[in-house]
Amino acid sequence: MFSLVLSNPKQQLKNGFEKCRTAHPKVSVNGEIGNYHVIGNENKYNVKLFRNERGQKIAECCCKANENGMFCYHIAAAVLVHTGIMRQRQAA
């Protein structure tokens, strides 16, 4: 999987968020918060969201777009779900 630094997720993932609105990917937690399965058109992708040792937000996906350094909609979908989960935890 290729790692991308999310320094400005809103701007970097804008196209991914737009594609999520039309593609409606299915996202599920894969074992623990930060690891997700994202089902796109017909394929399942593994997405991992975490912070590195410098505190930078990192996203990894096993799709071809991500391997080419692009922010894919699989990452965008996982970020949306992850953000919702983290907000629920903070509110509790």
N, C-alpha and C. Protein backbone atom coordinates (compact mmCIF):
# COMPACT_ATOMS: atom_id res chain seq x y z
N MET A 1 0.84 -1.18 0.00
CA MET A 1 0.00 0.00 0.00
C MET A 1 0.88 1.24 0.00
N PHE A 2 0.42 2.25 -0.67
CA PHE A 2 1.15 3.51 -0.80
C PHE A 2 0.64 4.48 0.25
N SER A 3 1.52 5.18 0.94
CA SER A 3 1.14 6.12 2.00
C SER A 3 1.05 7.54 1.47
N LEU A 4 0.00 8.24 1.87
CA LEU A 4 -0.19 9.65 1.52
C LEU A 4 -0.34 10.45 2.80
N VAL A 5 0.32 11.59 2.87
CA VAL A 5 0.19 12.48 4.02
C VAL A 5 -1.03 13.36 3.81
N LEU A 6 -1.93 13.38 4.80
CA LEU A 6 -3.13 14.20 4.72
C LEU A 6 -2.87 15.52 5.44
N SER A 7 -2.23 16.44 4.75
CA SER A 7 -1.91 17.72 5.36
C SER A 7 -3.09 18.68 5.31
N ASN A 8 -3.94 18.53 4.31
CA ASN A 8 -5.13 19.36 4.17
C ASN A 8 -6.23 18.48 3.57
N PRO A 9 -6.79 17.56 4.38
CA PRO A 9 -7.72 16.56 3.84
C PRO A 9 -8.90 17.15 3.08
N LYS A 10 -9.46 18.25 3.55
CA LYS A 10 -10.64 18.81 2.87
C LYS A 10 -10.32 19.16 1.43
N GLN A 11 -9.20 19.81 1.20
CA GLN A 11 -8.83 20.19 -0.17
C GLN A 11 -8.32 18.99 -0.96
N GLN A 12 -7.47 18.19 -0.34
CA GLN A 12 -6.86 17.06 -1.04
C GLN A 12 -7.90 16.02 -1.46
N LEU A 13 -8.92 15.84 -0.66
CA LEU A 13 -9.89 14.78 -0.93
C LEU A 13 -11.16 15.29 -1.60
N LYS A 14 -11.17 16.53 -2.04
CA LYS A 14 -12.38 17.12 -2.61
C LYS A 14 -12.97 16.24 -3.72
N ASN A 15 -12.15 15.82 -4.67
CA ASN A 15 -12.64 14.97 -5.76
C ASN A 15 -13.11 13.62 -5.24
N GLY A 16 -12.40 13.09 -4.26
CA GLY A 16 -12.81 11.81 -3.66
C GLY A 16 -14.15 11.91 -2.99
N PHE A 17 -14.39 13.02 -2.27
CA PHE A 17 -15.68 13.22 -1.62
C PHE A 17 -16.79 13.34 -2.66
N GLU A 18 -16.52 14.02 -3.77
CA GLU A 18 -17.52 14.16 -4.83
C GLU A 18 -17.86 12.79 -5.42
N LYS A 19 -16.84 11.95 -5.63
CA LYS A 19 -17.10 10.62 -6.19
C LYS A 19 -17.88 9.77 -5.20
N CYS A 20 -17.64 9.93 -3.91
CA CYS A 20 -18.39 9.19 -2.89
C CYS A 20 -19.88 9.46 -3.00
N ARG A 21 -20.22 10.69 -3.34
CA ARG A 21 -21.64 11.06 -3.46
C ARG A 21 -22.33 10.30 -4.58
N THR A 22 -21.60 9.94 -5.61
CA THR A 22 -22.21 9.22 -6.73
C THR A 22 -21.98 7.71 -6.66
N ALA A 23 -20.83 7.29 -6.15
CA ALA A 23 -20.49 5.86 -6.12
C ALA A 23 -21.09 5.12 -4.93
N HIS A 24 -21.36 5.82 -3.84
CA HIS A 24 -21.92 5.23 -2.61
C HIS A 24 -21.14 4.00 -2.14
N PRO A 25 -19.85 4.13 -1.89
CA PRO A 25 -19.07 2.98 -1.42
C PRO A 25 -19.54 2.54 -0.03
N LYS A 26 -19.39 1.26 0.23
CA LYS A 26 -19.74 0.69 1.54
C LYS A 26 -18.46 0.60 2.37
N VAL A 27 -18.52 1.10 3.59
CA VAL A 27 -17.35 1.12 4.47
C VAL A 27 -17.65 0.35 5.74
N SER A 28 -16.73 -0.50 6.15
CA SER A 28 -16.86 -1.20 7.43
C SER A 28 -15.51 -1.20 8.14
N VAL A 29 -15.58 -1.23 9.47
CA VAL A 29 -14.35 -1.28 10.27
C VAL A 29 -13.74 -2.66 10.11
N ASN A 30 -12.45 -2.72 9.91
CA ASN A 30 -11.73 -3.97 9.74
C ASN A 30 -10.89 -4.24 10.99
N GLY A 31 -11.53 -4.74 12.02
CA GLY A 31 -10.81 -5.11 13.23
C GLY A 31 -10.70 -4.01 14.26
N GLU A 32 -10.21 -2.85 13.87
CA GLU A 32 -10.04 -1.75 14.82
C GLU A 32 -10.25 -0.42 14.11
N ILE A 33 -10.57 0.60 14.89
CA ILE A 33 -10.76 1.93 14.34
C ILE A 33 -9.48 2.39 13.65
N GLY A 34 -9.62 2.87 12.43
CA GLY A 34 -8.46 3.28 11.64
C GLY A 34 -8.18 2.32 10.50
N ASN A 35 -8.69 1.09 10.60
CA ASN A 35 -8.56 0.10 9.53
C ASN A 35 -9.95 -0.16 8.97
N TYR A 36 -10.10 -0.01 7.65
CA TYR A 36 -11.41 -0.11 7.03
C TYR A 36 -11.38 -0.96 5.78
N HIS A 37 -12.52 -1.63 5.51
CA HIS A 37 -12.79 -2.26 4.23
C HIS A 37 -13.71 -1.31 3.49
N VAL A 38 -13.37 -0.99 2.26
CA VAL A 38 -14.22 -0.14 1.44
C VAL A 38 -14.56 -0.92 0.18
N ILE A 39 -15.85 -1.11 -0.05
CA ILE A 39 -16.29 -1.80 -1.25
C ILE A 39 -16.69 -0.74 -2.26
N GLY A 40 -15.97 -0.71 -3.36
CA GLY A 40 -16.24 0.24 -4.43
C GLY A 40 -17.21 -0.36 -5.42
N ASN A 41 -16.89 -0.24 -6.70
CA ASN A 41 -17.78 -0.76 -7.74
C ASN A 41 -18.05 -2.25 -7.53
N GLU A 42 -17.02 -3.04 -7.55
CA GLU A 42 -17.16 -4.48 -7.31
C GLU A 42 -16.00 -5.03 -6.49
N ASN A 43 -15.04 -4.20 -6.20
CA ASN A 43 -13.85 -4.65 -5.50
C ASN A 43 -13.83 -4.17 -4.06
N LYS A 44 -13.11 -4.91 -3.22
CA LYS A 44 -12.93 -4.52 -1.82
C LYS A 44 -11.51 -4.01 -1.65
N TYR A 45 -11.39 -2.86 -0.99
CA TYR A 45 -10.09 -2.24 -0.77
C TYR A 45 -9.84 -2.08 0.72
N ASN A 46 -8.61 -2.25 1.12
CA ASN A 46 -8.22 -2.02 2.51
C ASN A 46 -7.66 -0.61 2.62
N VAL A 47 -8.19 0.14 3.58
CA VAL A 47 -7.75 1.50 3.83
C VAL A 47 -7.31 1.60 5.27
N LYS A 48 -6.17 2.23 5.49
CA LYS A 48 -5.65 2.42 6.84
C LYS A 48 -5.41 3.90 7.06
N LEU A 49 -5.93 4.43 8.18
CA LEU A 49 -5.75 5.83 8.56
C LEU A 49 -5.02 5.85 9.90
N PHE A 50 -3.95 6.62 9.98
CA PHE A 50 -3.18 6.67 11.23
C PHE A 50 -2.30 7.91 11.25
N ARG A 51 -1.66 8.14 12.37
CA ARG A 51 -0.67 9.22 12.49
C ARG A 51 0.71 8.58 12.58
N ASN A 52 1.66 9.18 11.88
CA ASN A 52 3.02 8.66 11.95
C ASN A 52 3.73 9.20 13.18
N GLU A 53 5.01 8.89 13.31
CA GLU A 53 5.77 9.29 14.49
C GLU A 53 5.91 10.80 14.64
N ARG A 54 5.70 11.55 13.56
CA ARG A 54 5.74 13.02 13.62
C ARG A 54 4.36 13.63 13.82
N GLY A 55 3.35 12.79 13.97
CA GLY A 55 2.00 13.28 14.19
C GLY A 55 1.24 13.62 12.93
N GLN A 56 1.82 13.35 11.75
CA GLN A 56 1.14 13.62 10.49
C GLN A 56 0.05 12.59 10.24
N LYS A 57 -1.06 13.03 9.68
CA LYS A 57 -2.14 12.12 9.32
C LYS A 57 -1.75 11.40 8.03
N ILE A 58 -1.82 10.07 8.05
CA ILE A 58 -1.42 9.24 6.92
C ILE A 58 -2.61 8.39 6.49
N ALA A 59 -2.76 8.21 5.18
CA ALA A 59 -3.79 7.34 4.62
C ALA A 59 -3.14 6.37 3.65
N GLU A 60 -3.56 5.12 3.71
CA GLU A 60 -3.07 4.10 2.79
C GLU A 60 -4.25 3.36 2.19
N CYS A 61 -4.16 3.06 0.90
CA CYS A 61 -5.18 2.26 0.22
C CYS A 61 -4.47 1.36 -0.77
N CYS A 62 -5.04 0.21 -1.04
CA CYS A 62 -4.40 -0.76 -1.93
C CYS A 62 -4.85 -0.63 -3.38
N CYS A 63 -5.58 0.43 -3.74
CA CYS A 63 -6.08 0.58 -5.11
C CYS A 63 -5.01 1.17 -6.04
N LYS A 64 -5.24 1.06 -7.34
CA LYS A 64 -4.29 1.56 -8.35
C LYS A 64 -4.14 3.07 -8.30
N ALA A 65 -5.23 3.80 -8.09
CA ALA A 65 -5.15 5.27 -8.04
C ALA A 65 -4.22 5.71 -6.93
N ASN A 66 -4.34 5.07 -5.77
CA ASN A 66 -3.50 5.44 -4.64
C ASN A 66 -2.04 5.09 -4.91
N GLU A 67 -1.80 3.97 -5.58
CA GLU A 67 -0.43 3.59 -5.94
C GLU A 67 0.22 4.64 -6.83
N ASN A 68 -0.62 5.36 -7.60
CA ASN A 68 -0.12 6.42 -8.49
C ASN A 68 -0.07 7.77 -7.80
N GLY A 69 -0.26 7.79 -6.47
CA GLY A 69 -0.15 9.03 -5.71
C GLY A 69 -1.39 9.89 -5.68
N MET A 70 -2.53 9.35 -6.13
CA MET A 70 -3.77 10.10 -6.13
C MET A 70 -4.58 9.80 -4.87
N PHE A 71 -5.36 10.76 -4.43
CA PHE A 71 -6.26 10.55 -3.30
C PHE A 71 -7.53 9.91 -3.84
N CYS A 72 -7.70 8.63 -3.61
CA CYS A 72 -8.83 7.89 -4.15
C CYS A 72 -10.09 8.10 -3.31
N TYR A 73 -11.22 7.74 -3.90
CA TYR A 73 -12.47 7.90 -3.17
C TYR A 73 -12.62 6.86 -2.06
N HIS A 74 -11.84 5.80 -2.10
CA HIS A 74 -11.87 4.81 -1.01
C HIS A 74 -11.35 5.45 0.28
N ILE A 75 -10.26 6.22 0.15
CA ILE A 75 -9.74 6.95 1.31
C ILE A 75 -10.75 7.98 1.77
N ALA A 76 -11.34 8.70 0.82
CA ALA A 76 -12.33 9.72 1.18
C ALA A 76 -13.49 9.10 1.96
N ALA A 77 -13.97 7.95 1.51
CA ALA A 77 -15.08 7.27 2.20
C ALA A 77 -14.66 6.85 3.60
N ALA A 78 -13.46 6.31 3.73
CA ALA A 78 -12.97 5.89 5.05
C ALA A 78 -12.79 7.09 5.98
N VAL A 79 -12.30 8.21 5.44
CA VAL A 79 -12.13 9.42 6.25
C VAL A 79 -13.49 9.90 6.77
N LEU A 80 -14.51 9.87 5.93
CA LEU A 80 -15.85 10.29 6.37
C LEU A 80 -16.36 9.42 7.52
N VAL A 81 -16.22 8.11 7.39
CA VAL A 81 -16.67 7.19 8.44
C VAL A 81 -15.82 7.38 9.69
N HIS A 82 -14.52 7.47 9.52
CA HIS A 82 -13.61 7.63 10.65
C HIS A 82 -13.92 8.90 11.43
N THR A 83 -14.17 9.99 10.71
CA THR A 83 -14.51 11.26 11.36
C THR A 83 -15.78 11.13 12.18
N GLY A 84 -16.78 10.45 11.63
CA GLY A 84 -18.03 10.23 12.36
C GLY A 84 -17.82 9.42 13.63
N ILE A 85 -17.03 8.36 13.53
CA ILE A 85 -16.74 7.52 14.70
C ILE A 85 -16.02 8.32 15.77
N MET A 86 -15.03 9.10 15.38
CA MET A 86 -14.26 9.87 16.35
C MET A 86 -15.11 10.95 17.02
N ARG A 87 -16.02 11.55 16.27
CA ARG A 87 -16.91 12.55 16.86
C ARG A 87 -17.86 11.91 17.87
N GLN A 88 -18.35 10.71 17.57
CA GLN A 88 -19.22 10.00 18.51
C GLN A 88 -18.46 9.67 19.79
N ARG A 89 -17.22 9.26 19.66
CA ARG A 89 -16.41 8.94 20.84
C ARG A 89 -16.17 10.17 21.71
N GLN A 90 -15.93 11.31 21.07
CA GLN A 90 -15.69 12.55 21.82
C GLN A 90 -16.95 13.01 22.54
N ALA A 91 -18.10 12.78 21.94
CA ALA A 91 -19.37 13.21 22.53
C ALA A 91 -19.78 12.34 23.71
N ALA A 92 -19.27 11.12 23.75
CA ALA A 92 -19.67 10.17 24.82
C ALA A 92 -19.01 10.49 26.15
